[in-house]
PDB file of N, CA and C in Angstrom:
ATOM      1  N   TYR A   1     -36.944 207.904 146.680  1.00  0.00           N
ATOM      2  CA  TYR A   1     -37.631 207.413 148.416  1.00  0.00           C
ATOM      3  C   TYR A   1     -39.464 207.905 148.134  1.00  0.00           C
ATOM      4  N   ALA A   2     -39.789 208.592 146.965  1.00  0.00           N
ATOM      5  CA  ALA A   2     -41.951 208.133 146.639  1.00  0.00           C
ATOM      6  C   ALA A   2     -41.857 206.455 147.030  1.00  0.00           C
ATOM      7  N   PHE A   3     -40.935 205.952 146.033  1.00  0.00           N
ATOM      8  CA  PHE A   3     -40.653 203.529 145.999  1.00  0.00           C
ATOM      9  C   PHE A   3     -40.624 203.978 147.259  1.00  0.00           C
ATOM     10  N   SER A   4     -39.078 203.939 148.516  1.00  0.00           N
ATOM     11  CA  SER A   4     -38.773 203.588 149.297  1.00  0.00           C
ATOM     12  C   SER A   4     -40.344 204.192 150.219  1.00  0.00           C
ATOM     13  N   LYS A   5     -40.946 205.433 150.166  1.00  0.00           N
ATOM     14  CA  LYS A   5     -41.382 205.608 151.558  1.00  0.00           C
ATOM     15  C   LYS A   5     -43.297 204.542 150.921  1.00  0.00           C
ATOM     16  N   TYR A   6     -43.098 204.690 150.019  1.00  0.00           N
ATOM     17  CA  TYR A   6     -44.279 203.372 150.046  1.00  0.00           C
ATOM     18  C   TYR A   6     -44.492 201.814 150.156  1.00  0.00           C
ATOM     19  N   MET A   7     -43.529 201.597 150.127  1.00  0.00           N
ATOM     20  CA  MET A   7     -42.651 199.930 150.003  1.00  0.00           C
ATOM     21  C   MET A   7     -42.503 199.500 151.729  1.00  0.00           C
ATOM     22  N   ASN A   8     -42.219 201.154 152.100  1.00  0.00           N
ATOM     23  CA  ASN A   8     -41.482 200.428 153.384  1.00  0.00           C
ATOM     24  C   ASN A   8     -41.565 201.998 154.002  1.00  0.00           C
ATOM     25  N   PRO A   9     -42.860 202.125 155.105  1.00  0.00           N
ATOM     26  CA  PRO A   9     -42.509 203.683 155.825  1.00  0.00           C
ATOM     27  C   PRO A   9     -41.531 203.573 156.647  1.00  0.00           C
ATOM     28  N   ASP A  10     -40.685 202.847 157.067  1.00  0.00           N
ATOM     29  CA  ASP A  10     -39.773 202.822 158.320  1.00  0.00           C
ATOM     30  C   ASP A  10     -38.321 203.332 157.620  1.00  0.00           C
ATOM     31  N   VAL A  11     -38.140 203.215 156.293  1.00  0.00           N
ATOM     32  CA  VAL A  11     -37.489 204.323 155.446  1.00  0.00           C
ATOM     33  C   VAL A  11     -38.005 205.189 156.087  1.00  0.00           C
ATOM     34  N   THR A  12     -37.158 206.324 155.566  1.00  0.00           N
ATOM     35  CA  THR A  12     -37.600 207.602 155.803  1.00  0.00           C
ATOM     36  C   THR A  12     -36.209 208.776 154.332  1.00  0.00           C
ATOM     37  N   LYS A  13     -37.513 210.067 154.738  1.00  0.00           N
ATOM     38  CA  LYS A  13     -36.573 210.481 153.928  1.00  0.00           C
ATOM     39  C   LYS A  13     -35.058 210.793 153.807  1.00  0.00           C
ATOM     40  N   GLU A  14     -34.965 211.141 155.422  1.00  0.00           N
ATOM     41  CA  GLU A  14     -33.819 211.684 156.138  1.00  0.00           C
ATOM     42  C   GLU A  14     -32.803 210.279 155.980  1.00  0.00           C
ATOM     43  N   MET A  15     -33.171 209.609 155.711  1.00  0.00           N
ATOM     44  CA  MET A  15     -32.234 207.761 155.639  1.00  0.00           C
ATOM     45  C   MET A  15     -32.228 207.847 154.567  1.00  0.00           C
ATOM     46  N   VAL A  16     -32.711 208.099 153.478  1.00  0.00           N
ATOM     47  CA  VAL A  16     -32.518 207.548 151.785  1.00  0.00           C
ATOM     48  C   VAL A  16     -30.867 208.790 151.875  1.00  0.00           C
ATOM     49  N   LEU A  17     -31.033 210.220 152.761  1.00  0.00           N
ATOM     50  CA  LEU A  17     -30.092 211.046 151.695  1.00  0.00           C
ATOM     51  C   LEU A  17     -28.999 210.970 152.936  1.00  0.00           C
ATOM     52  N   ASN A  18     -28.880 210.482 154.066  1.00  0.00           N
ATOM     53  CA  ASN A  18     -27.521 210.384 155.228  1.00  0.00           C
ATOM     54  C   ASN A  18     -27.482 208.670 154.626  1.00  0.00           C
ATOM     55  N   SER A  19     -28.372 207.732 155.166  1.00  0.00           N
ATOM     56  CA  SER A  19     -27.305 206.300 155.183  1.00  0.00           C
ATOM     57  C   SER A  19     -28.093 205.841 153.218  1.00  0.00           C
ATOM     58  N   PRO A  20     -27.740 206.150 152.746  1.00  0.00           N
ATOM     59  CA  PRO A  20     -28.715 204.892 151.447  1.00  0.00           C
ATOM     60  C   PRO A  20     -28.536 203.825 151.601  1.00  0.00           C
ATOM     61  N   ILE A  21     -26.850 203.344 151.819  1.00  0.00           N
ATOM     62  CA  ILE A  21     -25.951 202.026 151.473  1.00  0.00           C
ATOM     63  C   ILE A  21     -27.810 201.403 152.451  1.00  0.00           C
ATOM     64  N   GLU A  22     -27.379 201.554 154.498  1.00  0.00           N
ATOM     65  CA  GLU A  22     -28.900 200.980 155.284  1.00  0.00           C
ATOM     66  C   GLU A  22     -29.993 201.187 154.635  1.00  0.00           C
ATOM     67  N   ALA A  23     -30.459 202.593 153.932  1.00  0.00           N
ATOM     68  CA  ALA A  23     -31.854 202.790 153.809  1.00  0.00           C
ATOM     69  C   ALA A  23     -31.890 201.970 151.961  1.00  0.00           C
ATOM     70  N   MET A  24     -31.071 201.415 151.525  1.00  0.00           N
ATOM     71  CA  MET A  24     -31.450 200.739 150.314  1.00  0.00           C
ATOM     72  C   MET A  24     -31.258 198.455 151.604  1.00  0.00           C
ATOM     73  N   ALA A  25     -30.781 198.694 152.366  1.00  0.00           N
ATOM     74  CA  ALA A  25     -30.648 197.250 152.788  1.00  0.00           C
ATOM     75  C   ALA A  25     -31.860 197.611 153.208  1.00  0.00           C
ATOM     76  N   GLU A  26     -32.128 198.300 154.008  1.00  0.00           N
ATOM     77  CA  GLU A  26     -33.782 198.236 154.530  1.00  0.00           C
ATOM     78  C   GLU A  26     -34.760 197.786 154.095  1.00  0.00           C
ATOM     79  N   LEU A  27     -34.256 198.496 153.381  1.00  0.00           N
ATOM     80  CA  LEU A  27     -35.796 199.478 152.030  1.00  0.00           C
ATOM     81  C   LEU A  27     -35.546 196.986 150.836  1.00  0.00           C
ATOM     82  N   MET A  28     -34.872 196.754 150.504  1.00  0.00           N
ATOM     83  CA  MET A  28     -34.788 195.072 150.134  1.00  0.00           C
ATOM     84  C   MET A  28     -35.568 194.413 151.393  1.00  0.00           C
ATOM     85  N   MET A  29     -34.798 194.087 151.963  1.00  0.00           N
ATOM     86  CA  MET A  29     -35.391 193.436 153.642  1.00  0.00           C
ATOM     87  C   MET A  29     -36.832 192.972 154.038  1.00  0.00           C
ATOM     88  N   SER A  30     -37.202 194.818 154.153  1.00  0.00           N
ATOM     89  CA  SER A  30     -39.051 194.335 153.597  1.00  0.00           C
ATOM     90  C   SER A  30     -39.520 194.601 152.092  1.00  0.00           C
ATOM     91  N   PHE A  31     -38.794 193.908 151.426  1.00  0.00           N
ATOM     92  CA  PHE A  31     -39.689 192.955 151.070  1.00  0.00           C
ATOM     93  C   PHE A  31     -40.019 191.446 150.782  1.00  0.00           C
ATOM     94  N   TRP A  32     -41.067 191.165 149.928  1.00  0.00           N
ATOM     95  CA  TRP A  32     -41.361 190.141 151.358  1.00  0.00           C
ATOM     96  C   TRP A  32     -40.981 188.710 149.800  1.00  0.00           C
ATOM     97  N   TYR A  33     -41.272 188.990 148.637  1.00  0.00           N
ATOM     98  CA  TYR A  33     -40.402 188.225 147.250  1.00  0.00           C
ATOM     99  C   TYR A  33     -39.211 187.540 147.555  1.00  0.00           C
ATOM    100  N   VAL A  34     -38.716 188.859 147.762  1.00  0.00           N
ATOM    101  CA  VAL A  34     -37.049 187.850 148.698  1.00  0.00           C
ATOM    102  C   VAL A  34     -37.542 186.810 149.513  1.00  0.00           C
ATOM    103  N   TYR A  35     -37.761 186.287 150.210  1.00  0.00           N
ATOM    104  CA  TYR A  35     -37.684 185.742 150.879  1.00  0.00           C
ATOM    105  C   TYR A  35     -38.002 184.134 150.535  1.00  0.00           C
ATOM    106  N   ASP A  36     -37.633 182.925 150.746  1.00  0.00           N
ATOM    107  CA  ASP A  36     -37.970 181.698 150.627  1.00  0.00           C
ATOM    108  C   ASP A  36     -40.341 181.363 151.384  1.00  0.00           C
ATOM    109  N   LEU A  37     -40.656 180.382 149.783  1.00  0.00           N
ATOM    110  CA  LEU A  37     -42.433 180.308 150.474  1.00  0.00           C
ATOM    111  C   LEU A  37     -42.033 180.137 151.841  1.00  0.00           C
ATOM    112  N   GLU A  38     -41.774 179.806 152.467  1.00  0.00           N
ATOM    113  CA  GLU A  38     -42.307 179.092 154.023  1.00  0.00           C
ATOM    114  C   GLU A  38     -41.950 180.794 154.301  1.00  0.00           C
ATOM    115  N   THR A  39     -41.153 181.505 155.249  1.00  0.00           N
ATOM    116  CA  THR A  39     -41.078 182.954 155.499  1.00  0.00           C
ATOM    117  C   THR A  39     -42.242 183.429 154.998  1.00  0.00           C
ATOM    118  N   ARG A  40     -42.369 183.523 153.973  1.00  0.00           N
ATOM    119  CA  ARG A  40     -43.575 184.254 153.276  1.00  0.00           C
ATOM    120  C   ARG A  40     -44.593 184.230 153.833  1.00  0.00           C
ATOM    121  N   LYS A  41     -45.278 182.948 153.441  1.00  0.00           N
ATOM    122  CA  LYS A  41     -45.896 182.496 154.565  1.00  0.00           C
ATOM    123  C   LYS A  41     -46.430 182.940 155.929  1.00  0.00           C
ATOM    124  N   LYS A  42     -45.739 182.874 156.937  1.00  0.00           N
ATOM    125  CA  LYS A  42     -45.415 183.132 157.457  1.00  0.00           C
ATOM    126  C   LYS A  42     -45.298 184.200 158.459  1.00  0.00           C
ATOM    127  N   LYS A  43     -44.789 185.689 157.669  1.00  0.00           N
ATOM    128  CA  LYS A  43     -45.034 186.559 157.349  1.00  0.00           C
ATOM    129  C   LYS A  43     -46.369 187.242 157.164  1.00  0.00           C
ATOM    130  N   PHE A  44     -46.679 186.263 156.091  1.00  0.00           N
ATOM    131  CA  PHE A  44     -48.705 187.208 154.897  1.00  0.00           C
ATOM    132  C   PHE A  44     -48.864 186.258 157.013  1.00  0.00           C
ATOM    133  N   VAL A  45     -48.891 185.139 157.075  1.00  0.00           N
ATOM    134  CA  VAL A  45     -50.377 184.880 158.016  1.00  0.00           C
ATOM    135  C   VAL A  45     -50.205 185.337 159.625  1.00  0.00           C
ATOM    136  N   GLU A  46     -48.768 187.019 160.060  1.00  0.00           N
ATOM    137  CA  GLU A  46     -48.346 187.832 160.821  1.00  0.00           C
ATOM    138  C   GLU A  46     -48.721 188.478 160.906  1.00  0.00           C
ATOM    139  N   THR A  47     -48.790 189.214 159.784  1.00  0.00           N
ATOM    140  CA  THR A  47     -49.624 190.339 159.662  1.00  0.00           C
ATOM    141  C   THR A  47     -51.020 190.109 159.075  1.00  0.00           C
ATOM    142  N   VAL A  48     -51.629 189.537 158.745  1.00  0.00           N
ATOM    143  CA  VAL A  48     -53.489 189.583 159.083  1.00  0.00           C
ATOM    144  C   VAL A  48     -54.120 188.741 160.424  1.00  0.00           C
ATOM    145  N   ARG A  49     -53.053 188.215 160.993  1.00  0.00           N
ATOM    146  CA  ARG A  49     -53.432 188.392 163.130  1.00  0.00           C
ATOM    147  C   ARG A  49     -53.272 190.630 162.995  1.00  0.00           C
ATOM    148  N   GLU A  50     -51.954 190.007 162.843  1.00  0.00           N
ATOM    149  CA  GLU A  50     -51.445 191.618 163.473  1.00  0.00           C
ATOM    150  C   GLU A  50     -53.027 193.425 163.557  1.00  0.00           C
ATOM    151  N   TYR A  51     -52.835 192.795 162.079  1.00  0.00           N
ATOM    152  CA  TYR A  51     -53.865 193.876 161.909  1.00  0.00           C
ATOM    153  C   TYR A  51     -55.579 193.618 161.165  1.00  0.00           C
ATOM    154  N   ASN A  52     -55.279 191.989 162.202  1.00  0.00           N
ATOM    155  CA  ASN A  52     -56.795 192.032 161.845  1.00  0.00           C
ATOM    156  C   ASN A  52     -57.491 191.972 160.175  1.00  0.00           C
ATOM    157  N   ILE A  53     -56.509 191.925 158.921  1.00  0.00           N
ATOM    158  CA  ILE A  53     -57.239 191.702 157.874  1.00  0.00           C
ATOM    159  C   ILE A  53     -58.441 191.213 157.482  1.00  0.00           C
ATOM    160  N   ASP A  54     -59.350 190.575 156.856  1.00  0.00           N
ATOM    161  CA  ASP A  54     -60.315 189.771 156.775  1.00  0.00           C
ATOM    162  C   ASP A  54     -59.648 188.678 155.483  1.00  0.00           C
ATOM    163  N   GLY A  55     -59.181 189.688 154.261  1.00  0.00           N
ATOM    164  CA  GLY A  55     -58.367 188.309 153.835  1.00  0.00           C
ATOM    165  C   GLY A  55     -57.490 189.170 152.667  1.00  0.00           C
ATOM    166  N   ILE A  56     -56.976 188.763 151.189  1.00  0.00           N
ATOM    167  CA  ILE A  56     -55.576 189.519 150.648  1.00  0.00           C
ATOM    168  C   ILE A  56     -56.140 189.257 149.139  1.00  0.00           C
ATOM    169  N   ILE A  57     -55.968 190.618 149.043  1.00  0.00           N
ATOM    170  CA  ILE A  57     -55.296 190.613 147.461  1.00  0.00           C
ATOM    171  C   ILE A  57     -53.544 190.604 147.173  1.00  0.00           C
ATOM    172  N   MET A  58     -53.577 189.437 145.735  1.00  0.00           N
ATOM    173  CA  MET A  58     -51.584 189.608 145.753  1.00  0.00           C
ATOM    174  C   MET A  58     -51.984 190.033 143.729  1.00  0.00           C
ATOM    175  N   HIS A  59     -51.023 190.685 143.821  1.00  0.00           N
ATOM    176  CA  HIS A  59     -50.646 190.777 142.059  1.00  0.00           C
ATOM    177  C   HIS A  59     -49.821 189.796 141.942  1.00  0.00           C
ATOM    178  N   GLU A  60     -49.916 189.141 140.807  1.00  0.00           N
ATOM    179  CA  GLU A  60     -49.656 188.062 139.986  1.00  0.00           C
ATOM    180  C   GLU A  60     -48.607 189.176 138.491  1.00  0.00           C
ATOM    181  N   ASN A  61     -48.012 190.255 138.586  1.00  0.00           N
ATOM    182  CA  ASN A  61     -46.946 191.099 137.505  1.00  0.00           C
ATOM    183  C   ASN A  61     -46.721 189.962 136.712  1.00  0.00           C
ATOM    184  N   LEU A  62     -47.229 190.151 135.068  1.00  0.00           N
ATOM    185  CA  LEU A  62     -46.630 188.430 134.359  1.00  0.00           C
ATOM    186  C   LEU A  62     -44.833 189.832 133.089  1.00  0.00           C
ATOM    187  N   SER A  63     -44.847 190.408 133.878  1.00  0.00           N
ATOM    188  CA  SER A  63     -44.116 190.933 133.701  1.00  0.00           C
ATOM    189  C   SER A  63     -42.398 191.103 135.010  1.00  0.00           C
ATOM    190  N   CYS A  64     -43.162 190.016 135.976  1.00  0.00           N
ATOM    191  CA  CYS A  64     -41.789 190.614 136.663  1.00  0.00           C
ATOM    192  C   CYS A  64     -42.189 188.935 137.043  1.00  0.00           C
ATOM    193  N   ARG A  65     -41.827 188.250 136.859  1.00  0.00           N
ATOM    194  CA  ARG A  65     -42.647 187.631 137.067  1.00  0.00           C
ATOM    195  C   ARG A  65     -41.536 186.438 138.721  1.00  0.00           C
ATOM    196  N   PRO A  66     -40.046 187.000 139.047  1.00  0.00           N
ATOM    197  CA  PRO A  66     -39.734 186.423 139.598  1.00  0.00           C
ATOM    198  C   PRO A  66     -40.508 186.768 141.248  1.00  0.00           C
ATOM    199  N   ASN A  67     -40.830 188.089 141.325  1.00  0.00           N
ATOM    200  CA  ASN A  67     -42.243 188.378 142.178  1.00  0.00           C
ATOM    201  C   ASN A  67     -43.571 187.705 142.760  1.00  0.00           C
ATOM    202  N   SER A  68     -43.420 187.073 140.725  1.00  0.00           N
ATOM    203  CA  SER A  68     -44.374 186.578 141.637  1.00  0.00           C
ATOM    204  C   SER A  68     -45.203 184.268 141.624  1.00  0.00           C
ATOM    205  N   CYS A  69     -43.697 184.694 141.646  1.00  0.00           N
ATOM    206  CA  CYS A  69     -42.968 182.872 142.474  1.00  0.00           C
ATOM    207  C   CYS A  69     -43.683 182.484 143.820  1.00  0.00           C
ATOM    208  N   GLY A  70     -44.602 180.837 143.610  1.00  0.00           N
ATOM    209  CA  GLY A  70     -44.651 180.526 144.567  1.00  0.00           C
ATOM    210  C   GLY A  70     -46.120 181.669 145.450  1.00  0.00           C
ATOM    211  N   MET A  71     -46.100 182.412 144.108  1.00  0.00           N
ATOM    212  CA  MET A  71     -48.146 183.134 144.090  1.00  0.00           C
ATOM    213  C   MET A  71     -49.294 181.223 144.682  1.00  0.00           C
ATOM    214  N   TYR A  72     -49.299 180.895 143.897  1.00  0.00           N
ATOM    215  CA  TYR A  72     -49.930 180.380 144.129  1.00  0.00           C
ATOM    216  C   TYR A  72     -50.104 179.264 144.711  1.00  0.00           C
ATOM    217  N   ASP A  73     -48.863 178.974 145.401  1.00  0.00           N
ATOM    218  CA  ASP A  73     -48.981 178.556 146.937  1.00  0.00           C
ATOM    219  C   ASP A  73     -48.947 178.630 148.075  1.00  0.00           C
ATOM    220  N   LEU A  74     -48.477 179.977 147.857  1.00  0.00           N
ATOM    221  CA  LEU A  74     -48.574 181.273 148.648  1.00  0.00           C
ATOM    222  C   LEU A  74     -50.441 181.288 149.414  1.00  0.00           C
ATOM    223  N   LYS A  75     -51.020 181.284 148.026  1.00  0.00           N
ATOM    224  CA  LYS A  75     -52.864 181.323 148.555  1.00  0.00           C
ATOM    225  C   LYS A  75     -53.544 179.991 148.716  1.00  0.00           C
ATOM    226  N   ARG A  76     -53.253 179.266 148.046  1.00  0.00           N
ATOM    227  CA  ARG A  76     -53.763 177.792 148.568  1.00  0.00           C
ATOM    228  C   ARG A  76     -53.342 177.821 150.336  1.00  0.00           C
ATOM    229  N   ASN A  77     -51.905 177.922 149.891  1.00  0.00           N
ATOM    230  CA  ASN A  77     -52.412 177.903 151.424  1.00  0.00           C
ATOM    231  C   ASN A  77     -52.737 178.515 152.617  1.00  0.00           C
ATOM    232  N   LEU A  78     -52.695 179.900 152.407  1.00  0.00           N
ATOM    233  CA  LEU A  78     -53.170 180.956 154.128  1.00  0.00           C
ATOM    234  C   LEU A  78     -54.614 180.535 153.262  1.00  0.00           C
ATOM    235  N   MET A  79     -54.620 179.974 152.403  1.00  0.00           N
ATOM    236  CA  MET A  79     -57.172 179.353 152.371  1.00  0.00           C
ATOM    237  C   MET A  79     -56.830 178.043 153.252  1.00  0.00           C
ATOM    238  N   GLU A  80     -55.761 176.907 153.463  1.00  0.00           N
ATOM    239  CA  GLU A  80     -57.062 176.223 153.950  1.00  0.00           C
ATOM    240  C   GLU A  80     -55.917 175.580 154.294  1.00  0.00           C
ATOM    241  N   GLU A  81     -54.863 175.879 155.637  1.00  0.00           N
ATOM    242  CA  GLU A  81     -54.475 175.549 157.155  1.00  0.00           C
ATOM    243  C   GLU A  81     -54.970 176.698 157.423  1.00  0.00           C
ATOM    244  N   HIS A  82     -55.233 178.210 157.160  1.00  0.00           N
ATOM    245  CA  HIS A  82     -55.192 179.242 158.200  1.00  0.00           C
ATOM    246  C   HIS A  82     -56.912 179.978 157.613  1.00  0.00           C
ATOM    247  N   ASP A  83     -57.171 179.482 156.787  1.00  0.00           N
ATOM    248  CA  ASP A  83     -59.158 179.533 156.325  1.00  0.00           C
ATOM    249  C   ASP A  83     -58.439 181.521 156.284  1.00  0.00           C
ATOM    250  N   ILE A  84     -57.127 181.612 155.418  1.00  0.00           N
ATOM    251  CA  ILE A  84     -57.575 183.032 154.443  1.00  0.00           C
ATOM    252  C   ILE A  84     -58.118 183.400 153.684  1.00  0.00           C
ATOM    253  N   PRO A  85     -58.874 184.141 153.227  1.00  0.00           N
ATOM    254  CA  PRO A  85     -59.901 183.691 151.606  1.00  0.00           C
ATOM    255  C   PRO A  85     -58.089 184.786 151.702  1.00  0.00           C
ATOM    256  N   SER A  86     -57.910 184.802 149.855  1.00  0.00           N
ATOM    257  CA  SER A  86     -57.321 184.775 148.717  1.00  0.00           C
ATOM    258  C   SER A  86     -57.239 185.004 147.504  1.00  0.00           C
ATOM    259  N   LEU A  87     -57.141 186.351 146.923  1.00  0.00           N
ATOM    260  CA  LEU A  87     -57.354 186.898 145.685  1.00  0.00           C
ATOM    261  C   LEU A  87     -55.198 186.455 144.720  1.00  0.00           C
ATOM    262  N   ILE A  88     -56.301 186.156 144.004  1.00  0.00           N
ATOM    263  CA  ILE A  88     -54.470 186.306 143.106  1.00  0.00           C
ATOM    264  C   ILE A  88     -54.795 187.304 141.515  1.00  0.00           C
ATOM    265  N   ILE A  89     -54.768 188.463 141.525  1.00  0.00           N
ATOM    266  CA  ILE A  89     -55.116 189.130 140.055  1.00  0.00           C
ATOM    267  C   ILE A  89     -54.056 189.333 139.551  1.00  0.00           C
ATOM    268  N   SER A  90     -54.131 188.832 138.090  1.00  0.00           N
ATOM    269  CA  SER A  90     -52.893 189.303 136.744  1.00  0.00           C
ATOM    270  C   SER A  90     -52.843 190.009 135.663  1.00  0.00           C
ATOM    271  N   SER A  91     -51.869 191.190 135.743  1.00  0.00           N
ATOM    272  CA  SER A  91     -52.060 191.839 134.393  1.00  0.00           C
ATOM    273  C   SER A  91     -49.367 191.763 133.720  1.00  0.00           C
ATOM    274  N   ASP A  92     -50.687 192.598 133.388  1.00  0.00           N
ATOM    275  CA  ASP A  92     -48.440 192.777 132.621  1.00  0.00           C
ATOM    276  C   ASP A  92     -48.915 194.231 132.190  1.00  0.00           C
ATOM    277  N   MET A  93     -47.787 194.930 133.320  1.00  0.00           N
ATOM    278  CA  MET A  93     -47.432 196.394 133.800  1.00  0.00           C
ATOM    279  C   MET A  93     -46.974 196.646 131.640  1.00  0.00           C
ATOM    280  N   ASN A  94     -46.455 195.660 130.783  1.00  0.00           N
ATOM    281  CA  ASN A  94     -45.588 196.634 129.607  1.00  0.00           C
ATOM    282  C   ASN A  94     -46.660 195.686 128.732  1.00  0.00           C
ATOM    283  N   ASP A  95     -47.987 195.236 129.063  1.00  0.00           N
ATOM    284  CA  ASP A  95     -48.701 195.006 127.922  1.00  0.00           C
ATOM    285  C   ASP A  95     -50.076 195.327 128.452  1.00  0.00           C
ATOM    286  N   PRO A  96     -50.880 196.118 128.231  1.00  0.00           N
ATOM    287  CA  PRO A  96     -52.610 196.428 128.688  1.00  0.00           C
ATOM    288  C   PRO A  96     -52.798 195.675 128.096  1.00  0.00           C
ATOM    289  N   ARG A  97     -52.919 194.243 126.643  1.00  0.00           N
ATOM    290  CA  ARG A  97     -54.098 193.777 126.256  1.00  0.00           C
ATOM    291  C   ARG A  97     -54.287 192.847 126.814  1.00  0.00           C
ATOM    292  N   LYS A  98     -53.693 192.553 128.153  1.00  0.00           N
ATOM    293  CA  LYS A  98     -52.999 191.418 129.340  1.00  0.00           C
ATOM    294  C   LYS A  98     -54.614 192.001 130.325  1.00  0.00           C
ATOM    295  N   PHE A  99     -55.331 192.931 129.947  1.00  0.00           N
ATOM    296  CA  PHE A  99     -55.479 193.824 130.518  1.00  0.00           C
ATOM    297  C   PHE A  99     -57.107 194.002 130.391  1.00  0.00           C
ATOM    298  N   ASN A 100     -58.285 193.040 131.666  1.00  0.00           N
ATOM    299  CA  ASN A 100     -59.277 193.017 131.082  1.00  0.00           C
ATOM    300  C   ASN A 100     -59.958 193.323 131.975  1.00  0.00           C
ATOM    301  N   ALA A 101     -60.995 195.149 132.305  1.00  0.00           N
ATOM    302  CA  ALA A 101     -61.178 195.488 133.452  1.00  0.00           C
ATOM    303  C   ALA A 101     -62.542 194.745 134.367  1.00  0.00           C
ATOM    304  N   GLU A 102     -63.031 194.358 132.380  1.00  0.00           N
ATOM    305  CA  GLU A 102     -64.053 193.277 133.446  1.00  0.00           C
ATOM    306  C   GLU A 102     -64.227 192.182 134.468  1.00  0.00           C
ATOM    307  N   GLN A 103     -63.395 191.281 134.008  1.00  0.00           N
ATOM    308  CA  GLN A 103     -63.089 190.043 134.235  1.00  0.00           C
ATOM    309  C   GLN A 103     -62.478 190.660 134.983  1.00  0.00           C
ATOM    310  N   LEU A 104     -60.936 191.427 135.759  1.00  0.00           N
ATOM    311  CA  LEU A 104     -60.982 192.267 137.100  1.00  0.00           C
ATOM    312  C   LEU A 104     -62.338 192.393 138.383  1.00  0.00           C
ATOM    313  N   SER A 105     -63.097 193.178 137.167  1.00  0.00           N
ATOM    314  CA  SER A 105     -64.361 194.365 138.381  1.00  0.00           C
ATOM    315  C   SER A 105     -65.551 192.689 138.993  1.00  0.00           C
ATOM    316  N   ASN A 106     -64.702 191.455 137.716  1.00  0.00           N
ATOM    317  CA  ASN A 106     -65.707 190.759 138.284  1.00  0.00           C
ATOM    318  C   ASN A 106     -65.514 189.181 139.086  1.00  0.00           C
ATOM    319  N   GLN A 107     -63.851 189.958 139.830  1.00  0.00           N
ATOM    320  CA  GLN A 107     -62.937 188.681 140.224  1.00  0.00           C
ATOM    321  C   GLN A 107     -62.976 189.447 141.638  1.00  0.00           C
ATOM    322  N   ILE A 108     -63.283 191.332 141.465  1.00  0.00           N
ATOM    323  CA  ILE A 108     -62.628 192.085 143.506  1.00  0.00           C
ATOM    324  C   ILE A 108     -64.253 191.562 143.188  1.00  0.00           C
ATOM    325  N   GLU A 109     -65.632 192.213 143.558  1.00  0.00           N
ATOM    326  CA  GLU A 109     -66.622 191.969 143.052  1.00  0.00           C
ATOM    327  C   GLU A 109     -66.881 190.242 144.215  1.00  0.00           C
ATOM    328  N   SER A 110     -66.509 189.691 143.716  1.00  0.00           N
ATOM    329  CA  SER A 110     -66.582 187.965 143.587  1.00  0.00           C
ATOM    330  C   SER A 110     -65.861 188.327 144.957  1.00  0.00           C
ATOM    331  N   PHE A 111     -65.136 188.961 145.163  1.00  0.00           N
ATOM    332  CA  PHE A 111     -64.283 187.693 146.793  1.00  0.00           C
ATOM    333  C   PHE A 111     -65.127 189.095 146.961  1.00  0.00           C
ATOM    334  N   ILE A 112     -65.523 190.589 147.184  1.00  0.00           N
ATOM    335  CA  ILE A 112     -65.672 191.474 148.532  1.00  0.00           C
ATOM    336  C   ILE A 112     -66.739 190.389 148.792  1.00  0.00           C
ATOM    337  N   GLU A 113     -67.606 189.220 147.832  1.00  0.00           N
ATOM    338  CA  GLU A 113     -68.924 188.912 148.476  1.00  0.00           C
ATOM    339  C   GLU A 113     -68.732 187.894 149.259  1.00  0.00           C
ATOM    340  N   ILE A 114     -67.467 187.622 149.243  1.00  0.00           N
ATOM    341  CA  ILE A 114     -67.004 186.384 150.673  1.00  0.00           C
ATOM    342  C   ILE A 114     -66.416 186.123 150.996  1.00  0.00           C
ATOM    343  N   LEU A 115     -66.076 188.588 151.133  1.00  0.00           N
ATOM    344  CA  LEU A 115     -65.728 188.090 152.892  1.00  0.00           C
ATOM    345  C   LEU A 115     -66.873 189.403 153.600  1.00  0.00           C
ATOM    346  N   ARG A 116     -67.864 189.943 152.795  1.00  0.00           N
ATOM    347  CA  ARG A 116     -69.353 190.032 153.446  1.00  0.00           C
ATOM    348  C   ARG A 116     -69.745 188.536 153.998  1.00  0.00           C
ATOM    349  N   LYS A 117     -69.698 187.894 153.692  1.00  0.00           N
ATOM    350  CA  LYS A 117     -70.806 185.778 154.404  1.00  0.00           C
ATOM    351  C   LYS A 117     -69.653 186.310 155.584  1.00  0.00           C
ATOM    352  N   ARG A 118     -68.062 186.418 155.162  1.00  0.00           N
ATOM    353  CA  ARG A 118     -67.559 185.800 156.455  1.00  0.00           C
ATOM    354  C   ARG A 118     -67.786 186.163 157.651  1.00  0.00           C
ATOM    355  N   LYS A 119     -68.314 187.320 157.656  1.00  0.00           N
ATOM    356  CA  LYS A 119     -68.390 188.448 158.901  1.00  0.00           C
ATOM    357  C   LYS A 119     -69.789 188.213 159.410  1.00  0.00           C
TER     358      LYS A 119
END
């Protein structure tokens, strides 16, 4: 239930317990990475506008490449065609040697500075 709760607030505990197939379908269809790149672009832009988001940070999980497929094209589209600041951070959930805290901190600090300058 925690997985569905945090990934899609419309999937309730009752839905998981009483209608597990429907809950699973709702959950899977809410994951943007299951859609083609054009649909993901559209969903990102709609969400940015709906919630008045200043910028997007995406996580490239090196252990789960299908989830990251098209991410750099998505970032380029958001920045060039929609003027939405975007950052991709990379890490590997299975290999902590790929994590560099200082590098990540620098990337995020630089991104925050970009967002501040746009305000």
